[in-house]
């Protein structure tokens, strides 16, 4: 059996047995999911990277507390990430708000290749749509934001989300259903706000509800 074919429990056993480099396999296996999960609540790319690293450092330091008989390694790891985010957000609320930097760089990094046949505007649109989703997610309550990010970014099954969150399956389904509606409404509000900023209505022009538009296609879970 190759290293990449070993399951999580076997890798944990090897790490605890002294084969510490095997932990890098677990990091590679889950770093994208953990980064996306944290990015649903934290907007600064540098902070997301730091918190992702902190999650894995905590996991490594406390690996001996993982009990495979109580649940999967992924569930245990996402619990750590969730606590890391909660601690960060609690500290952030006690600090004076600062202006977020790096949005332009994030957009540039999201652009596709610059070959003649490529259309850079498509990359900008995708980046803007992703930015809107993350911003709207950040406005939702903690539990709703967490279950949506697990489902939307990490494609977790409902039962796995329930285990990760310590909720019943019914509660997860309800949170996801209500969360999708709330998220879609916030995205529509952002569309309306952006449209009004570009084309403010005249005083005698009746208000018109915007169409569902691009973002409604994002919520097919």
N, C-alpha and C. Protein backbone atom coordinates (compact mmCIF):
# COMPACT_ATOMS: atom_id res chain seq x y z
N UNK A 1 0.85 -1.20 0.00
CA UNK A 1 0.00 0.00 0.00
C UNK A 1 0.89 1.25 0.00
N UNK A 2 0.62 2.17 -0.90
CA UNK A 2 1.40 3.41 -0.96
C UNK A 2 0.94 4.35 0.14
N UNK A 3 1.74 5.41 0.33
CA UNK A 3 1.42 6.37 1.39
C UNK A 3 0.06 7.01 1.15
N UNK A 4 -0.20 7.42 -0.10
CA UNK A 4 -1.45 8.13 -0.39
C UNK A 4 -2.66 7.22 -0.25
N UNK A 5 -2.46 5.90 -0.28
CA UNK A 5 -3.57 4.96 -0.14
C UNK A 5 -3.89 4.65 1.31
N UNK A 6 -3.01 5.01 2.23
CA UNK A 6 -3.25 4.75 3.64
C UNK A 6 -4.38 5.63 4.15
N UNK A 7 -5.28 5.07 4.96
CA UNK A 7 -6.39 5.86 5.47
C UNK A 7 -5.91 6.74 6.62
N UNK A 8 -6.79 7.64 7.05
CA UNK A 8 -6.41 8.63 8.06
C UNK A 8 -5.97 7.97 9.36
N UNK A 9 -6.72 6.98 9.81
CA UNK A 9 -6.41 6.35 11.08
C UNK A 9 -5.03 5.70 11.06
N UNK A 10 -4.67 5.07 9.94
CA UNK A 10 -3.36 4.45 9.83
C UNK A 10 -2.26 5.50 9.84
N UNK A 11 -2.49 6.61 9.16
CA UNK A 11 -1.50 7.69 9.16
C UNK A 11 -1.31 8.26 10.56
N UNK A 12 -2.41 8.46 11.27
CA UNK A 12 -2.31 8.96 12.64
C UNK A 12 -1.51 7.99 13.51
N UNK A 13 -1.78 6.70 13.35
CA UNK A 13 -1.06 5.69 14.13
C UNK A 13 0.44 5.75 13.84
N UNK A 14 0.79 5.93 12.57
CA UNK A 14 2.20 6.01 12.20
C UNK A 14 2.87 7.25 12.78
N UNK A 15 2.17 8.38 12.73
CA UNK A 15 2.72 9.62 13.28
C UNK A 15 2.96 9.46 14.78
N UNK A 16 1.97 8.94 15.48
CA UNK A 16 2.10 8.75 16.92
C UNK A 16 3.18 7.73 17.26
N UNK A 17 3.45 6.83 16.31
CA UNK A 17 4.50 5.84 16.52
C UNK A 17 5.89 6.35 16.21
N UNK A 18 6.02 7.60 15.81
CA UNK A 18 7.32 8.19 15.58
C UNK A 18 7.62 8.55 14.14
N UNK A 19 6.73 8.15 13.22
CA UNK A 19 6.94 8.45 11.80
C UNK A 19 6.30 9.81 11.49
N UNK A 20 6.93 10.86 12.00
CA UNK A 20 6.30 12.18 12.02
C UNK A 20 6.05 12.76 10.63
N UNK A 21 6.85 12.37 9.64
CA UNK A 21 6.68 12.94 8.31
C UNK A 21 5.36 12.51 7.68
N UNK A 22 4.73 11.49 8.21
CA UNK A 22 3.43 11.06 7.67
C UNK A 22 2.35 12.11 7.90
N UNK A 23 2.57 13.00 8.85
CA UNK A 23 1.57 14.05 9.09
C UNK A 23 1.43 14.96 7.89
N UNK A 24 2.50 15.10 7.11
CA UNK A 24 2.44 15.93 5.91
C UNK A 24 1.42 15.39 4.92
N UNK A 25 1.21 14.07 4.92
CA UNK A 25 0.20 13.48 4.03
C UNK A 25 -1.19 13.94 4.45
N UNK A 26 -1.43 13.98 5.75
CA UNK A 26 -2.73 14.45 6.25
C UNK A 26 -2.94 15.92 5.93
N UNK A 27 -1.86 16.71 6.03
CA UNK A 27 -1.96 18.13 5.69
C UNK A 27 -2.32 18.28 4.22
N UNK A 28 -1.63 17.57 3.34
CA UNK A 28 -1.93 17.65 1.91
C UNK A 28 -3.36 17.20 1.61
N UNK A 29 -3.83 16.23 2.36
CA UNK A 29 -5.17 15.68 2.13
C UNK A 29 -6.27 16.66 2.50
N UNK A 30 -6.02 17.47 3.51
CA UNK A 30 -7.11 18.31 4.04
C UNK A 30 -6.85 19.82 3.95
N UNK A 31 -5.70 20.24 3.45
CA UNK A 31 -5.38 21.67 3.49
C UNK A 31 -6.35 22.51 2.64
N UNK A 32 -6.77 21.99 1.50
CA UNK A 32 -7.69 22.77 0.67
C UNK A 32 -9.04 22.93 1.35
N UNK A 33 -9.55 21.84 1.91
CA UNK A 33 -10.85 21.90 2.59
C UNK A 33 -10.81 22.80 3.81
N UNK A 34 -9.75 22.70 4.60
CA UNK A 34 -9.64 23.53 5.79
C UNK A 34 -9.50 25.00 5.41
N UNK A 35 -8.71 25.28 4.38
CA UNK A 35 -8.55 26.67 3.93
C UNK A 35 -9.87 27.25 3.46
N UNK A 36 -10.63 26.48 2.69
CA UNK A 36 -11.93 26.95 2.22
C UNK A 36 -12.90 27.14 3.37
N UNK A 37 -12.86 26.22 4.33
CA UNK A 37 -13.74 26.31 5.49
C UNK A 37 -13.45 27.59 6.28
N UNK A 38 -12.19 27.86 6.54
CA UNK A 38 -11.82 29.06 7.29
C UNK A 38 -12.11 30.31 6.46
N UNK A 39 -11.87 30.22 5.15
CA UNK A 39 -12.11 31.37 4.28
C UNK A 39 -13.56 31.78 4.19
N UNK A 40 -14.47 30.89 4.58
CA UNK A 40 -15.89 31.26 4.58
C UNK A 40 -16.22 32.23 5.69
N UNK A 41 -15.38 32.29 6.74
CA UNK A 41 -15.63 33.17 7.87
C UNK A 41 -14.62 34.31 7.97
N UNK A 42 -13.44 34.11 7.42
CA UNK A 42 -12.35 35.09 7.54
C UNK A 42 -11.98 35.56 6.14
N UNK A 43 -12.00 36.87 5.91
CA UNK A 43 -11.85 37.38 4.55
C UNK A 43 -10.42 37.67 4.14
N UNK A 44 -9.55 38.00 5.08
CA UNK A 44 -8.18 38.34 4.72
C UNK A 44 -7.39 37.11 4.32
N UNK A 45 -6.84 37.06 3.10
CA UNK A 45 -6.08 35.88 2.66
C UNK A 45 -4.93 35.52 3.59
N UNK A 46 -4.23 36.52 4.12
CA UNK A 46 -3.11 36.25 5.02
C UNK A 46 -3.61 35.62 6.32
N UNK A 47 -4.74 36.12 6.82
CA UNK A 47 -5.31 35.56 8.05
C UNK A 47 -5.79 34.13 7.82
N UNK A 48 -6.40 33.89 6.67
CA UNK A 48 -6.85 32.53 6.34
C UNK A 48 -5.67 31.56 6.34
N UNK A 49 -4.57 31.98 5.73
CA UNK A 49 -3.38 31.13 5.68
C UNK A 49 -2.84 30.88 7.08
N UNK A 50 -2.79 31.92 7.90
CA UNK A 50 -2.27 31.78 9.27
C UNK A 50 -3.15 30.84 10.10
N UNK A 51 -4.46 31.01 9.97
CA UNK A 51 -5.38 30.20 10.77
C UNK A 51 -5.39 28.75 10.29
N UNK A 52 -5.21 28.54 9.00
CA UNK A 52 -5.11 27.18 8.49
C UNK A 52 -3.87 26.50 9.06
N UNK A 53 -2.77 27.22 9.06
CA UNK A 53 -1.54 26.67 9.62
C UNK A 53 -1.70 26.39 11.11
N UNK A 54 -2.37 27.31 11.82
CA UNK A 54 -2.59 27.10 13.25
C UNK A 54 -3.44 25.86 13.50
N UNK A 55 -4.42 25.64 12.64
CA UNK A 55 -5.27 24.45 12.78
C UNK A 55 -4.43 23.17 12.73
N UNK A 56 -3.56 23.09 11.73
CA UNK A 56 -2.75 21.88 11.59
C UNK A 56 -1.70 21.77 12.70
N UNK A 57 -1.18 22.90 13.16
CA UNK A 57 -0.24 22.86 14.27
C UNK A 57 -0.92 22.35 15.54
N UNK A 58 -2.15 22.81 15.78
CA UNK A 58 -2.90 22.32 16.94
C UNK A 58 -3.20 20.83 16.80
N UNK A 59 -3.58 20.44 15.60
CA UNK A 59 -3.89 19.03 15.36
C UNK A 59 -2.67 18.16 15.63
N UNK A 60 -1.51 18.62 15.17
CA UNK A 60 -0.28 17.86 15.39
C UNK A 60 0.07 17.79 16.87
N UNK A 61 -0.09 18.93 17.56
CA UNK A 61 0.27 18.98 18.97
C UNK A 61 -0.64 18.11 19.82
N UNK A 62 -1.88 17.97 19.42
CA UNK A 62 -2.87 17.23 20.22
C UNK A 62 -3.31 15.93 19.54
N UNK A 63 -2.49 15.43 18.64
CA UNK A 63 -2.88 14.25 17.88
C UNK A 63 -3.16 13.06 18.78
N UNK A 64 -2.48 13.02 19.92
CA UNK A 64 -2.70 11.90 20.84
C UNK A 64 -4.08 11.87 21.44
N UNK A 65 -4.83 12.97 21.35
CA UNK A 65 -6.19 13.00 21.89
C UNK A 65 -7.22 12.49 20.89
N UNK A 66 -6.81 12.30 19.64
CA UNK A 66 -7.76 11.80 18.63
C UNK A 66 -8.09 10.34 18.92
N UNK A 67 -9.38 10.05 18.98
CA UNK A 67 -9.86 8.69 19.25
C UNK A 67 -10.70 8.22 18.07
N UNK A 68 -10.20 7.33 17.23
CA UNK A 68 -10.95 6.90 16.04
C UNK A 68 -12.26 6.20 16.37
N UNK A 69 -12.39 5.72 17.59
CA UNK A 69 -13.65 5.07 17.95
C UNK A 69 -14.77 6.07 18.20
N UNK A 70 -14.41 7.34 18.35
CA UNK A 70 -15.42 8.38 18.60
C UNK A 70 -15.81 9.14 17.34
N UNK A 71 -15.08 8.93 16.26
CA UNK A 71 -15.40 9.64 15.02
C UNK A 71 -14.23 9.66 14.07
N UNK A 72 -14.46 10.24 12.90
CA UNK A 72 -13.43 10.28 11.87
C UNK A 72 -12.41 11.39 12.16
N UNK A 73 -11.23 11.22 11.59
CA UNK A 73 -10.19 12.23 11.74
C UNK A 73 -10.64 13.57 11.16
N UNK A 74 -11.32 13.53 10.02
CA UNK A 74 -11.77 14.78 9.39
C UNK A 74 -12.72 15.54 10.30
N UNK A 75 -13.61 14.82 11.00
CA UNK A 75 -14.53 15.46 11.94
C UNK A 75 -13.75 16.15 13.06
N UNK A 76 -12.78 15.44 13.60
CA UNK A 76 -11.94 15.97 14.68
C UNK A 76 -11.17 17.20 14.20
N UNK A 77 -10.64 17.14 12.98
CA UNK A 77 -9.86 18.25 12.44
C UNK A 77 -10.72 19.49 12.21
N UNK A 78 -11.93 19.30 11.70
CA UNK A 78 -12.81 20.45 11.46
C UNK A 78 -13.28 21.07 12.77
N UNK A 79 -13.40 20.25 13.82
CA UNK A 79 -13.70 20.81 15.14
C UNK A 79 -12.60 21.77 15.57
N UNK A 80 -11.35 21.39 15.34
CA UNK A 80 -10.22 22.26 15.69
C UNK A 80 -10.27 23.54 14.88
N UNK A 81 -10.51 23.42 13.57
CA UNK A 81 -10.59 24.61 12.71
C UNK A 81 -11.70 25.54 13.16
N UNK A 82 -12.81 24.97 13.53
CA UNK A 82 -13.94 25.78 13.98
C UNK A 82 -13.58 26.56 15.25
N UNK A 83 -12.90 25.91 16.18
CA UNK A 83 -12.48 26.59 17.41
C UNK A 83 -11.45 27.67 17.12
N UNK A 84 -10.55 27.41 16.18
CA UNK A 84 -9.55 28.41 15.80
C UNK A 84 -10.23 29.65 15.23
N UNK A 85 -11.23 29.45 14.37
CA UNK A 85 -11.95 30.58 13.78
C UNK A 85 -12.72 31.34 14.85
N UNK A 86 -13.38 30.62 15.75
CA UNK A 86 -14.14 31.29 16.81
C UNK A 86 -13.24 32.16 17.68
N UNK A 87 -12.07 31.65 18.03
CA UNK A 87 -11.13 32.43 18.84
C UNK A 87 -10.68 33.67 18.09
N UNK A 88 -10.36 33.50 16.80
CA UNK A 88 -9.92 34.63 15.99
C UNK A 88 -11.02 35.70 15.88
N UNK A 89 -12.25 35.28 15.61
CA UNK A 89 -13.34 36.24 15.46
C UNK A 89 -13.63 36.95 16.77
N UNK A 90 -13.53 36.25 17.89
CA UNK A 90 -13.76 36.88 19.18
C UNK A 90 -12.70 37.95 19.45
N UNK A 91 -11.44 37.65 19.10
CA UNK A 91 -10.38 38.64 19.29
C UNK A 91 -10.57 39.81 18.33
N UNK A 92 -11.01 39.52 17.11
CA UNK A 92 -11.19 40.59 16.11
C UNK A 92 -12.26 41.57 16.54
N UNK A 93 -13.30 41.07 17.19
CA UNK A 93 -14.39 41.94 17.63
C UNK A 93 -13.94 42.88 18.74
N UNK A 94 -12.90 42.47 19.48
CA UNK A 94 -12.40 43.33 20.56
C UNK A 94 -11.40 44.36 20.05
N UNK A 95 -10.91 44.15 18.83
CA UNK A 95 -9.96 45.10 18.25
C UNK A 95 -10.70 46.16 17.43
N UNK A 96 -10.08 47.31 17.27
CA UNK A 96 -10.66 48.35 16.42
C UNK A 96 -10.65 47.86 14.99
N UNK A 97 -11.74 48.10 14.23
CA UNK A 97 -11.78 47.63 12.85
C UNK A 97 -10.74 48.31 11.99
N UNK A 98 -10.10 47.56 11.12
CA UNK A 98 -9.13 48.11 10.19
C UNK A 98 -9.57 47.82 8.78
N UNK A 99 -9.08 48.61 7.86
CA UNK A 99 -9.47 48.46 6.47
C UNK A 99 -8.84 47.20 5.88
N UNK A 100 -9.65 46.42 5.19
CA UNK A 100 -9.16 45.19 4.56
C UNK A 100 -8.33 45.52 3.34
N UNK A 101 -7.15 44.91 3.24
CA UNK A 101 -6.27 45.13 2.11
C UNK A 101 -6.16 43.86 1.29
N UNK A 102 -5.68 44.02 0.08
CA UNK A 102 -5.37 42.86 -0.73
C UNK A 102 -6.45 42.42 -1.69
N UNK A 103 -7.56 43.14 -1.78
CA UNK A 103 -8.63 42.70 -2.68
C UNK A 103 -8.18 42.71 -4.13
N UNK A 104 -7.44 43.77 -4.53
CA UNK A 104 -6.98 43.83 -5.91
C UNK A 104 -6.04 42.68 -6.23
N UNK A 105 -5.15 42.39 -5.29
CA UNK A 105 -4.22 41.29 -5.53
C UNK A 105 -4.96 39.96 -5.64
N UNK A 106 -6.00 39.80 -4.82
CA UNK A 106 -6.78 38.57 -4.88
C UNK A 106 -7.44 38.42 -6.24
N UNK A 107 -7.97 39.51 -6.76
CA UNK A 107 -8.60 39.46 -8.07
C UNK A 107 -7.59 39.12 -9.16
N UNK A 108 -6.41 39.72 -9.06
CA UNK A 108 -5.38 39.45 -10.07
C UNK A 108 -4.95 37.99 -10.02
N UNK A 109 -4.83 37.45 -8.83
CA UNK A 109 -4.42 36.05 -8.70
C UNK A 109 -5.46 35.12 -9.30
N UNK A 110 -6.73 35.56 -9.34
CA UNK A 110 -7.79 34.70 -9.84
C UNK A 110 -7.93 34.76 -11.36
N UNK A 111 -7.20 35.66 -12.00
CA UNK A 111 -7.32 35.77 -13.45
C UNK A 111 -6.77 34.54 -14.15
N UNK A 112 -7.37 34.15 -15.29
CA UNK A 112 -6.83 33.02 -16.04
C UNK A 112 -5.56 33.43 -16.79
N UNK A 113 -5.06 32.56 -17.66
CA UNK A 113 -3.84 32.87 -18.39
C UNK A 113 -4.07 34.05 -19.34
N UNK A 114 -2.96 34.65 -19.76
CA UNK A 114 -3.05 35.86 -20.58
C UNK A 114 -2.82 35.57 -22.06
N UNK A 115 -3.05 34.34 -22.48
CA UNK A 115 -2.90 34.01 -23.89
C UNK A 115 -3.94 34.76 -24.71
N UNK A 116 -3.70 34.96 -26.02
CA UNK A 116 -4.62 35.75 -26.84
C UNK A 116 -6.05 35.23 -26.82
N UNK A 117 -6.22 33.91 -26.70
CA UNK A 117 -7.58 33.37 -26.73
C UNK A 117 -8.29 33.46 -25.38
N UNK A 118 -7.55 33.84 -24.34
CA UNK A 118 -8.16 33.92 -23.02
C UNK A 118 -8.91 35.24 -22.87
N UNK A 119 -9.96 35.21 -22.04
CA UNK A 119 -10.75 36.41 -21.77
C UNK A 119 -10.61 36.77 -20.29
N UNK A 120 -9.75 37.73 -19.95
CA UNK A 120 -9.51 38.06 -18.54
C UNK A 120 -10.77 38.48 -17.80
N UNK A 121 -11.76 39.03 -18.50
CA UNK A 121 -12.96 39.48 -17.82
C UNK A 121 -13.70 38.33 -17.17
N UNK A 122 -13.59 37.13 -17.72
CA UNK A 122 -14.25 35.97 -17.12
C UNK A 122 -13.64 35.64 -15.76
N UNK A 123 -12.32 35.76 -15.67
CA UNK A 123 -11.67 35.52 -14.39
C UNK A 123 -12.08 36.54 -13.34
N UNK A 124 -12.24 37.79 -13.76
CA UNK A 124 -12.66 38.84 -12.83
C UNK A 124 -14.08 38.56 -12.34
N UNK A 125 -14.95 38.16 -13.25
CA UNK A 125 -16.33 37.86 -12.85
C UNK A 125 -16.38 36.72 -11.86
N UNK A 126 -15.58 35.67 -12.11
CA UNK A 126 -15.57 34.54 -11.18
C UNK A 126 -15.05 34.98 -9.82
N UNK A 127 -14.00 35.80 -9.80
CA UNK A 127 -13.44 36.26 -8.54
C UNK A 127 -14.43 37.13 -7.79
N UNK A 128 -15.14 38.01 -8.51
CA UNK A 128 -16.12 38.87 -7.87
C UNK A 128 -17.27 38.05 -7.30
N UNK A 129 -17.72 37.04 -8.04
CA UNK A 129 -18.79 36.18 -7.56
C UNK A 129 -18.36 35.45 -6.29
N UNK A 130 -17.14 34.93 -6.29
CA UNK A 130 -16.63 34.22 -5.11
C UNK A 130 -16.50 35.17 -3.93
N UNK A 131 -16.03 36.38 -4.18
CA UNK A 131 -15.91 37.38 -3.12
C UNK A 131 -17.27 37.72 -2.53
N UNK A 132 -18.28 37.85 -3.39
CA UNK A 132 -19.63 38.14 -2.91
C UNK A 132 -20.16 37.02 -2.04
N UNK A 133 -19.92 35.78 -2.44
CA UNK A 133 -20.40 34.64 -1.66
C UNK A 133 -19.76 34.64 -0.28
N UNK A 134 -18.45 34.83 -0.23
CA UNK A 134 -17.76 34.82 1.06
C UNK A 134 -18.24 35.98 1.94
N UNK A 135 -18.44 37.14 1.35
CA UNK A 135 -18.91 38.29 2.13
C UNK A 135 -20.31 38.04 2.67
N UNK A 136 -21.17 37.46 1.84
CA UNK A 136 -22.53 37.16 2.28
C UNK A 136 -22.53 36.07 3.35
N UNK A 137 -21.68 35.07 3.21
CA UNK A 137 -21.57 34.02 4.23
C UNK A 137 -21.17 34.61 5.58
N UNK A 138 -20.25 35.56 5.54
CA UNK A 138 -19.76 36.16 6.78
C UNK A 138 -20.86 36.89 7.55
N UNK A 139 -21.95 37.24 6.88
CA UNK A 139 -23.05 37.96 7.53
C UNK A 139 -24.03 37.02 8.20
N UNK A 140 -23.92 35.72 7.95
CA UNK A 140 -24.86 34.75 8.51
C UNK A 140 -24.46 34.35 9.92
N UNK A 141 -25.41 33.83 10.71
CA UNK A 141 -25.06 33.34 12.05
C UNK A 141 -24.01 32.22 11.98
N UNK A 142 -23.31 32.04 13.08
CA UNK A 142 -22.16 31.13 13.11
C UNK A 142 -22.50 29.71 12.64
N UNK A 143 -23.52 29.10 13.22
CA UNK A 143 -23.83 27.72 12.87
C UNK A 143 -24.27 27.60 11.41
N UNK A 144 -25.06 28.55 10.96
CA UNK A 144 -25.52 28.52 9.57
C UNK A 144 -24.34 28.69 8.62
N UNK A 145 -23.46 29.62 8.93
CA UNK A 145 -22.27 29.84 8.09
C UNK A 145 -21.40 28.59 8.04
N UNK A 146 -21.26 27.91 9.17
CA UNK A 146 -20.40 26.74 9.23
C UNK A 146 -20.96 25.59 8.40
N UNK A 147 -22.26 25.29 8.55
CA UNK A 147 -22.81 24.16 7.80
C UNK A 147 -22.81 24.44 6.30
N UNK A 148 -23.06 25.68 5.92
CA UNK A 148 -23.03 26.02 4.49
C UNK A 148 -21.62 25.91 3.92
N UNK A 149 -20.63 26.35 4.67
CA UNK A 149 -19.27 26.27 4.15
C UNK A 149 -18.80 24.82 4.06
N UNK A 150 -19.20 23.99 5.01
CA UNK A 150 -18.85 22.57 4.93
C UNK A 150 -19.49 21.91 3.71
N UNK A 151 -20.74 22.28 3.45
CA UNK A 151 -21.45 21.69 2.32
C UNK A 151 -21.00 22.30 1.00
N UNK A 152 -20.86 23.62 0.96
CA UNK A 152 -20.58 24.32 -0.29
C UNK A 152 -19.12 24.20 -0.71
N UNK A 153 -18.20 24.39 0.23
CA UNK A 153 -16.79 24.38 -0.11
C UNK A 153 -16.15 22.99 -0.04
N UNK A 154 -16.62 22.17 0.91
CA UNK A 154 -15.97 20.88 1.13
C UNK A 154 -16.81 19.70 0.66
N UNK A 155 -18.00 19.96 0.16
CA UNK A 155 -18.86 18.92 -0.38
C UNK A 155 -19.09 17.79 0.62
N UNK A 156 -19.23 18.15 1.89
CA UNK A 156 -19.48 17.15 2.92
C UNK A 156 -20.91 16.63 2.83
N UNK A 157 -21.07 15.35 3.12
CA UNK A 157 -22.41 14.78 3.22
C UNK A 157 -23.09 15.31 4.48
N UNK A 158 -24.42 15.30 4.48
CA UNK A 158 -25.16 15.84 5.60
C UNK A 158 -24.80 15.13 6.91
N UNK A 159 -24.65 13.82 6.87
CA UNK A 159 -24.35 13.07 8.08
C UNK A 159 -22.97 13.46 8.62
N UNK A 160 -22.00 13.67 7.73
CA UNK A 160 -20.66 14.08 8.16
C UNK A 160 -20.70 15.47 8.78
N UNK A 161 -21.52 16.36 8.22
CA UNK A 161 -21.68 17.70 8.80
C UNK A 161 -22.29 17.59 10.20
N UNK A 162 -23.28 16.74 10.35
CA UNK A 162 -23.93 16.55 11.64
C UNK A 162 -22.92 16.08 12.68
N UNK A 163 -22.05 15.14 12.31
CA UNK A 163 -21.03 14.65 13.23
C UNK A 163 -20.02 15.74 13.56
N UNK A 164 -19.61 16.51 12.55
CA UNK A 164 -18.64 17.57 12.77
C UNK A 164 -19.19 18.65 13.70
N UNK A 165 -20.45 18.99 13.51
CA UNK A 165 -21.06 20.08 14.26
C UNK A 165 -21.68 19.63 15.58
N UNK A 166 -21.83 18.32 15.77
CA UNK A 166 -22.51 17.83 16.96
C UNK A 166 -24.00 18.12 16.94
N UNK A 167 -24.59 18.06 15.74
CA UNK A 167 -26.01 18.34 15.57
C UNK A 167 -26.74 17.11 15.05
N UNK A 168 -28.05 17.13 15.14
CA UNK A 168 -28.82 16.06 14.55
C UNK A 168 -28.88 16.26 13.04
N UNK A 169 -29.16 15.19 12.31
CA UNK A 169 -29.26 15.28 10.86
C UNK A 169 -30.38 16.24 10.46
N UNK A 170 -31.48 16.21 11.19
CA UNK A 170 -32.60 17.10 10.90
C UNK A 170 -32.23 18.56 11.07
N UNK A 171 -31.46 18.86 12.11
CA UNK A 171 -31.02 20.24 12.33
C UNK A 171 -30.12 20.73 11.21
N UNK A 172 -29.23 19.84 10.73
CA UNK A 172 -28.34 20.20 9.63
C UNK A 172 -29.14 20.52 8.38
N UNK A 173 -30.11 19.67 8.05
CA UNK A 173 -30.94 19.90 6.86
C UNK A 173 -31.69 21.22 6.96
N UNK A 174 -32.21 21.50 8.15
CA UNK A 174 -32.95 22.75 8.35
C UNK A 174 -32.03 23.96 8.21
N UNK A 175 -30.85 23.88 8.83
CA UNK A 175 -29.89 24.99 8.75
C UNK A 175 -29.45 25.25 7.31
N UNK A 176 -29.21 24.17 6.56
CA UNK A 176 -28.78 24.34 5.18
C UNK A 176 -29.89 24.94 4.34
N UNK A 177 -31.11 24.46 4.53
CA UNK A 177 -32.24 24.98 3.75
C UNK A 177 -32.45 26.47 4.05
N UNK A 178 -32.52 26.82 5.32
CA UNK A 178 -32.73 28.22 5.68
C UNK A 178 -31.53 29.08 5.31
N UNK A 179 -30.33 28.49 5.47
CA UNK A 179 -29.12 29.23 5.15
C UNK A 179 -29.03 29.58 3.67
N UNK A 180 -29.41 28.63 2.81
CA UNK A 180 -29.38 28.91 1.37
C UNK A 180 -30.32 30.05 1.02
N UNK A 181 -31.50 30.05 1.63
CA UNK A 181 -32.45 31.12 1.37
C UNK A 181 -31.90 32.47 1.84
N UNK A 182 -31.32 32.47 3.05
CA UNK A 182 -30.77 33.71 3.59
C UNK A 182 -29.58 34.18 2.77
N UNK A 183 -28.74 33.25 2.35
CA UNK A 183 -27.56 33.62 1.56
C UNK A 183 -27.97 34.17 0.20
N UNK A 184 -28.94 33.53 -0.44
CA UNK A 184 -29.41 34.00 -1.73
C UNK A 184 -30.00 35.41 -1.62
N UNK A 185 -30.73 35.65 -0.53
CA UNK A 185 -31.34 36.97 -0.34
C UNK A 185 -30.26 38.04 -0.13
N UNK A 186 -29.23 37.70 0.61
CA UNK A 186 -28.15 38.67 0.82
C UNK A 186 -27.41 38.96 -0.47
N UNK A 187 -27.25 37.95 -1.30
CA UNK A 187 -26.59 38.16 -2.59
C UNK A 187 -27.46 39.02 -3.50
N UNK A 188 -28.76 38.80 -3.46
CA UNK A 188 -29.66 39.65 -4.26
C UNK A 188 -29.62 41.10 -3.76
N UNK A 189 -29.52 41.28 -2.44
CA UNK A 189 -29.42 42.63 -1.90
C UNK A 189 -28.13 43.31 -2.38
N UNK A 190 -27.05 42.53 -2.44
CA UNK A 190 -25.80 43.09 -2.93
C UNK A 190 -25.92 43.48 -4.40
N UNK A 191 -26.61 42.65 -5.19
CA UNK A 191 -26.82 42.97 -6.60
C UNK A 191 -27.63 44.25 -6.75
N UNK A 192 -28.68 44.38 -5.94
CA UNK A 192 -29.53 45.56 -6.02
C UNK A 192 -28.75 46.82 -5.62
N UNK A 193 -27.94 46.68 -4.56
CA UNK A 193 -27.15 47.82 -4.09
C UNK A 193 -26.14 48.25 -5.15
N UNK A 194 -25.50 47.26 -5.77
CA UNK A 194 -24.51 47.57 -6.81
C UNK A 194 -25.18 48.21 -8.02
N UNK A 195 -26.35 47.68 -8.39
CA UNK A 195 -27.06 48.23 -9.55
C UNK A 195 -27.52 49.66 -9.28
N UNK A 196 -28.01 49.91 -8.06
CA UNK A 196 -28.47 51.26 -7.73
C UNK A 196 -27.31 52.25 -7.69
N UNK A 197 -26.14 51.78 -7.28
CA UNK A 197 -24.97 52.66 -7.24
C UNK A 197 -24.55 53.07 -8.65
N UNK A 198 -24.71 52.14 -9.60
CA UNK A 198 -24.35 52.45 -10.99
C UNK A 198 -25.43 53.26 -11.70
N UNK A 199 -26.68 52.93 -11.40
CA UNK A 199 -27.80 53.59 -12.07
C UNK A 199 -28.84 53.99 -11.03
N UNK A 200 -28.60 55.05 -10.29
CA UNK A 200 -29.57 55.46 -9.27
C UNK A 200 -30.90 55.83 -9.92
N UNK A 201 -32.03 55.35 -9.36
CA UNK A 201 -33.34 55.65 -9.97
C UNK A 201 -33.73 57.11 -9.76
N UNK A 202 -34.48 57.62 -10.71
CA UNK A 202 -34.99 58.98 -10.58
C UNK A 202 -36.09 58.98 -9.52
N UNK A 203 -36.38 60.13 -8.91
CA UNK A 203 -37.36 60.18 -7.81
C UNK A 203 -38.72 59.63 -8.18
N UNK A 204 -39.16 59.81 -9.45
CA UNK A 204 -40.49 59.36 -9.84
C UNK A 204 -40.48 57.97 -10.48
N UNK A 205 -39.32 57.29 -10.48
CA UNK A 205 -39.24 55.97 -11.10
C UNK A 205 -39.58 54.90 -10.05
N UNK A 206 -40.56 54.02 -10.33
CA UNK A 206 -40.91 52.99 -9.35
C UNK A 206 -39.76 52.02 -9.16
N UNK A 207 -39.64 51.52 -7.91
CA UNK A 207 -38.59 50.55 -7.61
C UNK A 207 -38.90 49.23 -8.30
N UNK A 208 -37.87 48.62 -8.80
CA UNK A 208 -38.03 47.39 -9.56
C UNK A 208 -37.17 46.29 -8.93
N UNK A 209 -37.79 45.15 -8.66
CA UNK A 209 -37.05 44.03 -8.06
C UNK A 209 -36.12 43.44 -9.10
N UNK A 210 -34.87 43.24 -8.68
CA UNK A 210 -33.89 42.70 -9.62
C UNK A 210 -34.16 41.23 -9.87
N UNK A 211 -33.70 40.75 -11.03
CA UNK A 211 -33.84 39.33 -11.35
C UNK A 211 -32.88 38.53 -10.50
N UNK A 212 -33.06 37.22 -10.48
CA UNK A 212 -32.24 36.37 -9.63
C UNK A 212 -30.78 36.43 -10.04
N UNK A 213 -30.48 36.41 -11.31
CA UNK A 213 -29.12 36.65 -11.78
C UNK A 213 -28.14 35.51 -11.54
N UNK A 214 -26.87 35.87 -11.59
CA UNK A 214 -25.77 34.91 -11.60
C UNK A 214 -25.71 34.05 -10.36
N UNK A 215 -25.85 34.66 -9.17
CA UNK A 215 -25.50 33.96 -7.95
C UNK A 215 -26.46 32.82 -7.61
N UNK A 216 -27.71 32.86 -8.11
CA UNK A 216 -28.65 31.80 -7.77
C UNK A 216 -28.19 30.46 -8.31
N UNK A 217 -27.33 30.45 -9.31
CA UNK A 217 -26.82 29.19 -9.85
C UNK A 217 -25.78 28.56 -8.93
N UNK A 218 -25.32 29.30 -7.89
CA UNK A 218 -24.27 28.80 -7.02
C UNK A 218 -24.78 27.87 -5.94
N UNK A 219 -26.08 27.81 -5.75
CA UNK A 219 -26.60 27.14 -4.56
C UNK A 219 -27.34 25.85 -4.90
N UNK A 220 -26.80 25.08 -5.79
CA UNK A 220 -27.33 23.76 -6.06
C UNK A 220 -26.47 22.78 -5.27
N UNK A 221 -26.93 22.40 -4.10
CA UNK A 221 -26.13 21.59 -3.19
C UNK A 221 -26.43 20.10 -3.40
